[in-house]
Amino acid sequence: MKATQLKKGMVVKVEDRLYKIVATHHLTPGNWRGMVQAKMKDLMSESIVEHRFRSEDNVDKVHCDETEMEYLYEDGGDYHFMNTTTYEQVHLTNETLGDAVNYLIANIKLKVEFIEGRPVSVEMPVTVDMKIVETEPELRGATASQSRKPAKTETGLIVAVPPFIKEGTLIRVSTEDGSYVEKV
């Protein structure tokens, strides 16, 4: 596939090593050709490296075995998941999950990607419904077009929400950037 199609969470092979894409940024500097700046995590050494691809470069996407799993609970930095068909349980660490830990609510179903029987990443749904546990009180006469206020969700994620959102409200949050989408 072309380097411009790289997305966060993909597993790719570069120079005979496996990397998980942590972040990408498309650059088009002036009259130069476009580039893709990728921050990647080496799956063997766990180190983070940055690599610059030309837009026309081809990248080998690694085929991962995807398994639907259900998130069960967190235990001291280990996150436990259960295969929804075989009921087999696996645990993933903070390092493997990355930002996904902010969106893990009880019983959420997601896809866990395995390479050679080893879990390497999770594929989160586009949005997650989360409950607000702490926020400032509602302001009288506030509308959605006014400024936003911080609100803490059940997982500890801080989301900028409209002023009319109260504690206990269920909201939909984008897993791509952690932004408020809508009230549920």
N, C-alpha and C. Protein backbone atom coordinates (compact mmCIF):
# COMPACT_ATOMS: atom_id res chain seq x y z
N MET A 1 0.84 -1.19 0.00
CA MET A 1 0.00 0.00 0.00
C MET A 1 0.87 1.25 0.00
N LYS A 2 0.33 2.36 -0.39
CA LYS A 2 1.06 3.62 -0.43
C LYS A 2 1.24 4.17 0.99
N ALA A 3 2.33 4.88 1.21
CA ALA A 3 2.63 5.45 2.52
C ALA A 3 1.56 6.43 2.97
N THR A 4 0.87 7.06 2.04
CA THR A 4 -0.17 8.03 2.40
C THR A 4 -1.39 7.35 3.03
N GLN A 5 -1.49 6.03 2.94
CA GLN A 5 -2.63 5.30 3.51
C GLN A 5 -2.34 4.78 4.92
N LEU A 6 -1.17 5.10 5.47
CA LEU A 6 -0.83 4.67 6.82
C LEU A 6 -1.77 5.30 7.84
N LYS A 7 -2.20 4.50 8.80
CA LYS A 7 -3.09 4.99 9.85
C LYS A 7 -2.59 4.48 11.20
N LYS A 8 -2.93 5.21 12.24
CA LYS A 8 -2.57 4.84 13.60
C LYS A 8 -3.09 3.43 13.92
N GLY A 9 -2.24 2.60 14.51
CA GLY A 9 -2.64 1.26 14.91
C GLY A 9 -2.25 0.17 13.92
N MET A 10 -1.92 0.53 12.66
CA MET A 10 -1.53 -0.47 11.67
C MET A 10 -0.19 -1.09 12.04
N VAL A 11 0.02 -2.33 11.60
CA VAL A 11 1.30 -3.00 11.77
C VAL A 11 1.93 -3.12 10.39
N VAL A 12 3.17 -2.62 10.25
CA VAL A 12 3.86 -2.63 8.97
C VAL A 12 5.25 -3.24 9.12
N LYS A 13 5.80 -3.66 7.98
CA LYS A 13 7.15 -4.22 7.95
C LYS A 13 8.05 -3.24 7.21
N VAL A 14 9.08 -2.74 7.91
CA VAL A 14 10.04 -1.82 7.32
C VAL A 14 11.43 -2.37 7.60
N GLU A 15 12.20 -2.59 6.54
CA GLU A 15 13.56 -3.12 6.67
C GLU A 15 13.59 -4.39 7.52
N ASP A 16 12.71 -5.34 7.23
CA ASP A 16 12.61 -6.64 7.90
C ASP A 16 12.31 -6.57 9.39
N ARG A 17 11.73 -5.47 9.86
CA ARG A 17 11.31 -5.36 11.27
C ARG A 17 9.83 -4.99 11.29
N LEU A 18 9.13 -5.46 12.33
CA LEU A 18 7.71 -5.15 12.48
C LEU A 18 7.52 -3.93 13.35
N TYR A 19 6.69 -3.01 12.89
CA TYR A 19 6.41 -1.78 13.62
C TYR A 19 4.91 -1.55 13.68
N LYS A 20 4.47 -0.98 14.80
CA LYS A 20 3.08 -0.55 14.95
C LYS A 20 3.08 0.97 14.79
N ILE A 21 2.20 1.49 13.94
CA ILE A 21 2.12 2.93 13.71
C ILE A 21 1.48 3.58 14.93
N VAL A 22 2.20 4.55 15.52
CA VAL A 22 1.71 5.27 16.70
C VAL A 22 1.05 6.57 16.27
N ALA A 23 1.65 7.26 15.29
CA ALA A 23 1.09 8.52 14.80
C ALA A 23 1.63 8.79 13.40
N THR A 24 0.85 9.48 12.59
CA THR A 24 1.30 9.88 11.26
C THR A 24 0.98 11.35 11.04
N HIS A 25 1.80 11.97 10.19
CA HIS A 25 1.57 13.37 9.84
C HIS A 25 1.96 13.53 8.38
N HIS A 26 1.02 14.01 7.56
CA HIS A 26 1.29 14.20 6.14
C HIS A 26 1.87 15.60 5.94
N LEU A 27 3.04 15.69 5.30
CA LEU A 27 3.72 16.96 5.08
C LEU A 27 3.77 17.28 3.59
N THR A 28 3.47 18.52 3.25
CA THR A 28 3.64 18.99 1.87
C THR A 28 4.37 20.33 1.92
N PRO A 29 5.71 20.28 2.08
CA PRO A 29 6.47 21.52 2.24
C PRO A 29 6.72 22.26 0.92
N GLY A 30 6.03 23.38 0.75
CA GLY A 30 6.25 24.26 -0.40
C GLY A 30 6.22 23.53 -1.73
N ASN A 31 7.30 23.67 -2.50
CA ASN A 31 7.31 23.07 -3.83
C ASN A 31 7.99 21.69 -3.83
N TRP A 32 8.22 21.11 -2.66
CA TRP A 32 8.77 19.77 -2.58
C TRP A 32 7.66 18.74 -2.73
N ARG A 33 8.07 17.50 -2.85
CA ARG A 33 7.08 16.43 -2.92
C ARG A 33 6.54 16.12 -1.53
N GLY A 34 5.33 15.60 -1.48
CA GLY A 34 4.70 15.27 -0.20
C GLY A 34 5.42 14.13 0.52
N MET A 35 5.33 14.14 1.85
CA MET A 35 5.95 13.10 2.67
C MET A 35 4.98 12.71 3.78
N VAL A 36 5.24 11.55 4.35
CA VAL A 36 4.48 11.10 5.52
C VAL A 36 5.48 10.85 6.64
N GLN A 37 5.35 11.61 7.70
CA GLN A 37 6.20 11.45 8.89
C GLN A 37 5.47 10.48 9.81
N ALA A 38 6.09 9.33 10.10
CA ALA A 38 5.44 8.31 10.92
C ALA A 38 6.23 8.06 12.19
N LYS A 39 5.52 8.01 13.30
CA LYS A 39 6.11 7.60 14.57
C LYS A 39 5.69 6.15 14.75
N MET A 40 6.69 5.26 14.90
CA MET A 40 6.41 3.83 14.93
C MET A 40 7.04 3.18 16.15
N LYS A 41 6.37 2.13 16.65
CA LYS A 41 6.87 1.38 17.79
C LYS A 41 7.39 0.04 17.30
N ASP A 42 8.66 -0.25 17.55
CA ASP A 42 9.27 -1.53 17.18
C ASP A 42 8.65 -2.61 18.07
N LEU A 43 8.05 -3.63 17.46
CA LEU A 43 7.34 -4.65 18.24
C LEU A 43 8.28 -5.60 18.97
N MET A 44 9.54 -5.66 18.59
CA MET A 44 10.49 -6.53 19.29
C MET A 44 11.18 -5.80 20.44
N SER A 45 11.71 -4.61 20.19
CA SER A 45 12.46 -3.89 21.23
C SER A 45 11.60 -2.91 22.01
N GLU A 46 10.35 -2.68 21.58
CA GLU A 46 9.42 -1.75 22.23
C GLU A 46 9.89 -0.30 22.16
N SER A 47 10.89 0.01 21.33
CA SER A 47 11.37 1.39 21.22
C SER A 47 10.55 2.14 20.17
N ILE A 48 10.49 3.46 20.33
CA ILE A 48 9.76 4.32 19.40
C ILE A 48 10.77 4.93 18.43
N VAL A 49 10.47 4.85 17.14
CA VAL A 49 11.33 5.45 16.12
C VAL A 49 10.47 6.32 15.21
N GLU A 50 11.11 7.29 14.58
CA GLU A 50 10.42 8.12 13.59
C GLU A 50 10.99 7.80 12.23
N HIS A 51 10.13 7.74 11.23
CA HIS A 51 10.56 7.43 9.88
C HIS A 51 9.81 8.33 8.92
N ARG A 52 10.50 8.82 7.90
CA ARG A 52 9.87 9.67 6.90
C ARG A 52 9.77 8.90 5.59
N PHE A 53 8.54 8.74 5.12
CA PHE A 53 8.28 8.06 3.85
C PHE A 53 7.95 9.11 2.80
N ARG A 54 8.37 8.87 1.55
CA ARG A 54 7.91 9.71 0.44
C ARG A 54 6.47 9.28 0.14
N SER A 55 5.67 10.17 -0.40
CA SER A 55 4.27 9.85 -0.68
C SER A 55 4.12 8.67 -1.61
N GLU A 56 5.04 8.52 -2.56
CA GLU A 56 4.93 7.44 -3.53
C GLU A 56 5.55 6.11 -3.05
N ASP A 57 6.17 6.09 -1.85
CA ASP A 57 6.75 4.86 -1.31
C ASP A 57 5.67 3.83 -1.02
N ASN A 58 6.01 2.57 -1.25
CA ASN A 58 5.12 1.47 -0.90
C ASN A 58 5.55 0.90 0.45
N VAL A 59 4.57 0.55 1.27
CA VAL A 59 4.83 0.02 2.60
C VAL A 59 4.14 -1.34 2.69
N ASP A 60 4.81 -2.30 3.30
CA ASP A 60 4.24 -3.64 3.48
C ASP A 60 3.39 -3.66 4.74
N LYS A 61 2.07 -3.78 4.57
CA LYS A 61 1.19 -3.92 5.72
C LYS A 61 1.19 -5.39 6.11
N VAL A 62 1.38 -5.66 7.39
CA VAL A 62 1.44 -7.03 7.89
C VAL A 62 0.03 -7.50 8.19
N HIS A 63 -0.27 -8.70 7.71
CA HIS A 63 -1.60 -9.28 7.99
C HIS A 63 -1.61 -9.81 9.42
N CYS A 64 -2.55 -9.33 10.19
CA CYS A 64 -2.70 -9.77 11.58
C CYS A 64 -3.95 -10.62 11.69
N ASP A 65 -3.89 -11.61 12.56
CA ASP A 65 -5.09 -12.39 12.86
C ASP A 65 -5.94 -11.59 13.82
N GLU A 66 -7.16 -11.25 13.40
CA GLU A 66 -8.05 -10.46 14.25
C GLU A 66 -9.03 -11.37 14.97
N THR A 67 -9.20 -11.12 16.25
CA THR A 67 -10.13 -11.89 17.07
C THR A 67 -11.01 -10.92 17.85
N GLU A 68 -12.33 -11.14 17.81
CA GLU A 68 -13.23 -10.29 18.59
C GLU A 68 -13.10 -10.69 20.06
N MET A 69 -12.83 -9.69 20.89
CA MET A 69 -12.69 -9.94 22.32
C MET A 69 -13.49 -8.92 23.10
N GLU A 70 -13.80 -9.29 24.34
CA GLU A 70 -14.55 -8.43 25.24
C GLU A 70 -13.64 -8.02 26.38
N TYR A 71 -13.62 -6.70 26.68
CA TYR A 71 -12.81 -6.21 27.78
C TYR A 71 -13.49 -6.57 29.10
N LEU A 72 -12.71 -7.15 30.03
CA LEU A 72 -13.27 -7.57 31.31
C LEU A 72 -12.92 -6.62 32.44
N TYR A 73 -11.60 -6.49 32.75
CA TYR A 73 -11.21 -5.66 33.88
C TYR A 73 -9.72 -5.32 33.79
N GLU A 74 -9.31 -4.36 34.65
CA GLU A 74 -7.91 -3.93 34.75
C GLU A 74 -7.38 -4.36 36.10
N ASP A 75 -6.14 -4.85 36.12
CA ASP A 75 -5.53 -5.33 37.35
C ASP A 75 -4.07 -4.91 37.38
N GLY A 76 -3.78 -3.80 38.02
CA GLY A 76 -2.41 -3.34 38.19
C GLY A 76 -1.65 -3.11 36.90
N GLY A 77 -2.25 -2.50 35.90
CA GLY A 77 -1.57 -2.23 34.64
C GLY A 77 -1.77 -3.31 33.59
N ASP A 78 -2.36 -4.44 33.97
CA ASP A 78 -2.71 -5.49 33.01
C ASP A 78 -4.20 -5.39 32.72
N TYR A 79 -4.54 -5.46 31.43
CA TYR A 79 -5.94 -5.36 31.01
C TYR A 79 -6.36 -6.73 30.48
N HIS A 80 -7.42 -7.28 31.04
CA HIS A 80 -7.84 -8.64 30.72
C HIS A 80 -8.99 -8.63 29.72
N PHE A 81 -8.84 -9.48 28.69
CA PHE A 81 -9.82 -9.60 27.62
C PHE A 81 -10.21 -11.06 27.47
N MET A 82 -11.46 -11.30 26.99
CA MET A 82 -11.94 -12.66 26.78
C MET A 82 -12.38 -12.83 25.34
N ASN A 83 -11.92 -13.90 24.71
CA ASN A 83 -12.34 -14.27 23.36
C ASN A 83 -13.84 -14.58 23.43
N THR A 84 -14.64 -13.95 22.57
CA THR A 84 -16.10 -14.11 22.65
C THR A 84 -16.59 -15.45 22.11
N THR A 85 -15.74 -16.21 21.41
CA THR A 85 -16.17 -17.51 20.90
C THR A 85 -15.60 -18.67 21.71
N THR A 86 -14.30 -18.58 22.10
CA THR A 86 -13.68 -19.70 22.83
C THR A 86 -13.63 -19.47 24.33
N TYR A 87 -13.93 -18.25 24.80
CA TYR A 87 -13.89 -17.85 26.20
C TYR A 87 -12.47 -17.89 26.79
N GLU A 88 -11.47 -17.98 25.92
CA GLU A 88 -10.08 -17.94 26.36
C GLU A 88 -9.74 -16.50 26.75
N GLN A 89 -8.96 -16.33 27.83
CA GLN A 89 -8.61 -14.99 28.28
C GLN A 89 -7.15 -14.67 27.99
N VAL A 90 -6.90 -13.41 27.62
CA VAL A 90 -5.53 -12.91 27.45
C VAL A 90 -5.43 -11.58 28.19
N HIS A 91 -4.22 -11.20 28.53
CA HIS A 91 -4.05 -9.88 29.14
C HIS A 91 -3.05 -9.09 28.30
N LEU A 92 -3.33 -7.78 28.21
CA LEU A 92 -2.49 -6.85 27.46
C LEU A 92 -1.98 -5.80 28.44
N THR A 93 -0.80 -5.28 28.16
CA THR A 93 -0.20 -4.28 29.03
C THR A 93 -0.53 -2.87 28.54
N ASN A 94 -0.22 -1.89 29.38
CA ASN A 94 -0.36 -0.48 29.03
C ASN A 94 0.38 -0.16 27.74
N GLU A 95 1.61 -0.70 27.61
CA GLU A 95 2.45 -0.41 26.44
C GLU A 95 1.81 -0.91 25.15
N THR A 96 1.20 -2.09 25.20
CA THR A 96 0.57 -2.66 24.01
C THR A 96 -0.68 -1.86 23.64
N LEU A 97 -1.46 -1.46 24.62
CA LEU A 97 -2.72 -0.77 24.36
C LEU A 97 -2.54 0.70 23.99
N GLY A 98 -1.56 1.37 24.57
CA GLY A 98 -1.34 2.79 24.28
C GLY A 98 -2.52 3.64 24.72
N ASP A 99 -2.99 4.53 23.82
CA ASP A 99 -4.10 5.44 24.13
C ASP A 99 -5.44 4.73 24.29
N ALA A 100 -5.53 3.49 23.84
CA ALA A 100 -6.81 2.76 23.91
C ALA A 100 -7.29 2.57 25.34
N VAL A 101 -6.38 2.62 26.34
CA VAL A 101 -6.80 2.43 27.74
C VAL A 101 -7.80 3.51 28.18
N ASN A 102 -7.76 4.68 27.54
CA ASN A 102 -8.68 5.77 27.89
C ASN A 102 -10.12 5.47 27.49
N TYR A 103 -10.32 4.47 26.63
CA TYR A 103 -11.65 4.18 26.10
C TYR A 103 -12.17 2.81 26.50
N LEU A 104 -11.44 2.12 27.38
CA LEU A 104 -11.86 0.77 27.78
C LEU A 104 -12.89 0.84 28.90
N ILE A 105 -14.13 0.55 28.54
CA ILE A 105 -15.20 0.48 29.52
C ILE A 105 -15.64 -0.98 29.60
N ALA A 106 -16.18 -1.38 30.73
CA ALA A 106 -16.56 -2.78 30.96
C ALA A 106 -17.44 -3.32 29.84
N ASN A 107 -17.12 -4.53 29.40
CA ASN A 107 -17.88 -5.29 28.41
C ASN A 107 -17.85 -4.73 27.00
N ILE A 108 -16.95 -3.80 26.70
CA ILE A 108 -16.83 -3.30 25.33
C ILE A 108 -16.22 -4.39 24.47
N LYS A 109 -16.77 -4.58 23.28
CA LYS A 109 -16.24 -5.57 22.34
C LYS A 109 -15.37 -4.84 21.32
N LEU A 110 -14.18 -5.42 21.08
CA LEU A 110 -13.26 -4.84 20.11
C LEU A 110 -12.43 -5.94 19.49
N LYS A 111 -11.67 -5.58 18.47
CA LYS A 111 -10.83 -6.56 17.79
C LYS A 111 -9.40 -6.46 18.32
N VAL A 112 -8.84 -7.61 18.71
CA VAL A 112 -7.45 -7.68 19.15
C VAL A 112 -6.68 -8.34 18.01
N GLU A 113 -5.56 -7.71 17.62
CA GLU A 113 -4.76 -8.23 16.52
C GLU A 113 -3.59 -9.04 17.06
N PHE A 114 -3.41 -10.23 16.50
CA PHE A 114 -2.35 -11.14 16.92
C PHE A 114 -1.39 -11.38 15.76
N ILE A 115 -0.10 -11.45 16.07
CA ILE A 115 0.92 -11.89 15.11
C ILE A 115 1.64 -13.06 15.76
N GLU A 116 1.59 -14.20 15.09
CA GLU A 116 2.21 -15.43 15.59
C GLU A 116 1.75 -15.75 17.02
N GLY A 117 0.46 -15.58 17.29
CA GLY A 117 -0.11 -15.91 18.59
C GLY A 117 0.13 -14.88 19.68
N ARG A 118 0.83 -13.79 19.37
CA ARG A 118 1.12 -12.76 20.35
C ARG A 118 0.26 -11.52 20.08
N PRO A 119 -0.50 -11.03 21.09
CA PRO A 119 -1.32 -9.83 20.86
C PRO A 119 -0.43 -8.61 20.69
N VAL A 120 -0.67 -7.84 19.62
CA VAL A 120 0.16 -6.67 19.34
C VAL A 120 -0.59 -5.35 19.37
N SER A 121 -1.90 -5.38 19.12
CA SER A 121 -2.66 -4.12 19.16
C SER A 121 -4.16 -4.41 19.22
N VAL A 122 -4.90 -3.34 19.48
CA VAL A 122 -6.37 -3.44 19.48
C VAL A 122 -6.93 -2.45 18.48
N GLU A 123 -8.04 -2.82 17.89
CA GLU A 123 -8.74 -1.94 16.96
C GLU A 123 -10.00 -1.46 17.66
N MET A 124 -10.00 -0.20 18.05
CA MET A 124 -11.13 0.37 18.79
C MET A 124 -12.26 0.73 17.84
N PRO A 125 -13.51 0.73 18.34
CA PRO A 125 -14.60 1.25 17.52
C PRO A 125 -14.39 2.75 17.30
N VAL A 126 -15.07 3.33 16.33
CA VAL A 126 -14.89 4.74 15.99
C VAL A 126 -15.30 5.64 17.15
N THR A 127 -16.39 5.27 17.84
CA THR A 127 -16.85 6.04 19.00
C THR A 127 -17.17 5.11 20.15
N VAL A 128 -17.13 5.67 21.37
CA VAL A 128 -17.45 4.91 22.58
C VAL A 128 -18.38 5.77 23.43
N ASP A 129 -19.41 5.14 24.01
CA ASP A 129 -20.33 5.86 24.90
C ASP A 129 -19.78 5.78 26.32
N MET A 130 -19.56 6.95 26.94
CA MET A 130 -18.97 7.02 28.27
C MET A 130 -19.80 7.89 29.18
N LYS A 131 -19.73 7.59 30.47
CA LYS A 131 -20.48 8.34 31.48
C LYS A 131 -19.59 9.42 32.09
N ILE A 132 -20.15 10.61 32.28
CA ILE A 132 -19.44 11.72 32.92
C ILE A 132 -19.51 11.52 34.43
N VAL A 133 -18.36 11.52 35.10
CA VAL A 133 -18.34 11.34 36.56
C VAL A 133 -18.01 12.62 37.31
N GLU A 134 -17.43 13.60 36.61
CA GLU A 134 -17.08 14.85 37.29
C GLU A 134 -17.01 15.98 36.27
N THR A 135 -17.72 17.08 36.58
CA THR A 135 -17.66 18.28 35.74
C THR A 135 -18.20 19.47 36.53
N GLU A 136 -17.98 20.64 36.02
CA GLU A 136 -18.48 21.85 36.66
C GLU A 136 -20.00 21.89 36.50
N PRO A 137 -20.70 22.59 37.41
CA PRO A 137 -22.17 22.66 37.28
C PRO A 137 -22.59 23.38 36.01
N GLU A 138 -23.83 23.11 35.60
CA GLU A 138 -24.39 23.73 34.39
C GLU A 138 -24.53 25.24 34.58
N LEU A 139 -24.20 25.97 33.53
CA LEU A 139 -24.34 27.42 33.57
C LEU A 139 -25.70 27.80 33.02
N ARG A 140 -26.40 28.71 33.69
CA ARG A 140 -27.73 29.13 33.22
C ARG A 140 -27.61 29.86 31.89
N GLY A 141 -28.50 29.51 30.96
CA GLY A 141 -28.54 30.17 29.66
C GLY A 141 -27.43 29.73 28.73
N ALA A 142 -26.66 28.72 29.10
CA ALA A 142 -25.56 28.27 28.25
C ALA A 142 -26.12 27.49 27.06
N THR A 143 -25.52 27.70 25.92
CA THR A 143 -25.93 26.97 24.71
C THR A 143 -24.74 26.21 24.17
N ALA A 144 -25.01 25.30 23.24
CA ALA A 144 -23.96 24.45 22.68
C ALA A 144 -22.94 25.25 21.88
N SER A 145 -23.32 26.45 21.41
CA SER A 145 -22.40 27.24 20.59
C SER A 145 -21.37 27.98 21.44
N GLN A 146 -21.59 28.04 22.75
CA GLN A 146 -20.63 28.74 23.61
C GLN A 146 -19.41 27.86 23.87
N SER A 147 -18.53 28.36 24.67
CA SER A 147 -17.28 27.63 24.95
C SER A 147 -17.53 26.30 25.66
N ARG A 148 -16.52 25.48 25.68
CA ARG A 148 -16.62 24.14 26.28
C ARG A 148 -16.02 24.13 27.68
N LYS A 149 -16.36 23.11 28.46
CA LYS A 149 -15.80 22.94 29.80
C LYS A 149 -15.23 21.53 29.92
N PRO A 150 -14.24 21.34 30.79
CA PRO A 150 -13.67 19.99 30.93
C PRO A 150 -14.60 19.07 31.73
N ALA A 151 -14.63 17.80 31.34
CA ALA A 151 -15.43 16.80 32.05
C ALA A 151 -14.63 15.52 32.13
N LYS A 152 -14.68 14.88 33.29
CA LYS A 152 -13.95 13.63 33.50
C LYS A 152 -14.90 12.45 33.27
N THR A 153 -14.45 11.48 32.45
CA THR A 153 -15.27 10.30 32.16
C THR A 153 -14.95 9.19 33.14
N GLU A 154 -15.70 8.09 33.05
CA GLU A 154 -15.53 6.96 33.96
C GLU A 154 -14.16 6.31 33.87
N THR A 155 -13.42 6.52 32.76
CA THR A 155 -12.08 5.94 32.62
C THR A 155 -10.99 6.91 33.02
N GLY A 156 -11.36 8.16 33.35
CA GLY A 156 -10.38 9.16 33.73
C GLY A 156 -10.02 10.09 32.59
N LEU A 157 -10.53 9.84 31.39
CA LEU A 157 -10.28 10.69 30.23
C LEU A 157 -10.97 12.04 30.43
N ILE A 158 -10.25 13.13 30.17
CA ILE A 158 -10.83 14.48 30.24
C ILE A 158 -11.27 14.88 28.83
N VAL A 159 -12.55 15.24 28.70
CA VAL A 159 -13.13 15.61 27.41
C VAL A 159 -13.72 17.01 27.53
N ALA A 160 -13.52 17.84 26.50
CA ALA A 160 -14.13 19.17 26.46
C ALA A 160 -15.57 19.02 25.96
N VAL A 161 -16.53 19.36 26.83
CA VAL A 161 -17.95 19.16 26.52
C VAL A 161 -18.69 20.49 26.54
N PRO A 162 -19.88 20.54 25.92
CA PRO A 162 -20.70 21.76 25.99
C PRO A 162 -21.13 22.01 27.43
N PRO A 163 -21.45 23.26 27.76
CA PRO A 163 -21.78 23.62 29.14
C PRO A 163 -23.02 22.95 29.71
N PHE A 164 -23.94 22.44 28.88
CA PHE A 164 -25.17 21.84 29.40
C PHE A 164 -24.99 20.39 29.86
N ILE A 165 -23.84 19.81 29.66
CA ILE A 165 -23.58 18.42 30.08
C ILE A 165 -23.38 18.38 31.59
N LYS A 166 -24.09 17.45 32.27
CA LYS A 166 -24.02 17.33 33.73
C LYS A 166 -23.35 16.01 34.11
N GLU A 167 -23.03 15.88 35.40
CA GLU A 167 -22.50 14.62 35.91
C GLU A 167 -23.56 13.54 35.74
N GLY A 168 -23.12 12.34 35.37
CA GLY A 168 -24.05 11.23 35.16
C GLY A 168 -24.57 11.12 33.74
N THR A 169 -24.30 12.13 32.90
CA THR A 169 -24.76 12.11 31.52
C THR A 169 -23.91 11.15 30.70
N LEU A 170 -24.54 10.45 29.77
CA LEU A 170 -23.85 9.56 28.86
C LEU A 170 -23.52 10.33 27.58
N ILE A 171 -22.23 10.34 27.20
CA ILE A 171 -21.83 11.05 25.99
C ILE A 171 -21.11 10.09 25.04
N ARG A 172 -21.08 10.45 23.78
CA ARG A 172 -20.35 9.67 22.77
C ARG A 172 -19.03 10.40 22.51
N VAL A 173 -17.91 9.64 22.60
CA VAL A 173 -16.57 10.21 22.44
C VAL A 173 -15.88 9.54 21.26
N SER A 174 -15.19 10.32 20.44
CA SER A 174 -14.41 9.79 19.32
C SER A 174 -13.14 9.16 19.85
N THR A 175 -12.83 7.91 19.44
CA THR A 175 -11.61 7.24 19.88
C THR A 175 -10.41 7.70 19.06
N GLU A 176 -10.65 8.41 17.98
CA GLU A 176 -9.56 8.91 17.14
C GLU A 176 -8.78 10.02 17.84
N ASP A 177 -9.51 10.99 18.43
CA ASP A 177 -8.83 12.13 19.05
C ASP A 177 -9.36 12.49 20.44
N GLY A 178 -10.28 11.70 20.98
CA GLY A 178 -10.79 11.95 22.32
C GLY A 178 -11.74 13.13 22.42
N SER A 179 -12.37 13.50 21.32
CA SER A 179 -13.26 14.66 21.32
C SER A 179 -14.72 14.26 21.54
N TYR A 180 -15.50 15.19 22.08
CA TYR A 180 -16.94 15.02 22.31
C TYR A 180 -17.63 14.97 20.96
N VAL A 181 -18.54 13.98 20.78
CA VAL A 181 -19.29 13.88 19.53
C VAL A 181 -20.73 14.33 19.75
N GLU A 182 -21.42 13.70 20.76
CA GLU A 182 -22.81 14.05 21.03
C GLU A 182 -23.24 13.48 22.36
N LYS A 183 -24.39 13.98 22.84
CA LYS A 183 -25.02 13.46 24.04
C LYS A 183 -25.81 12.23 23.61
N VAL A 184 -25.77 11.17 24.44
CA VAL A 184 -26.47 9.94 24.07
C VAL A 184 -27.80 9.87 24.78
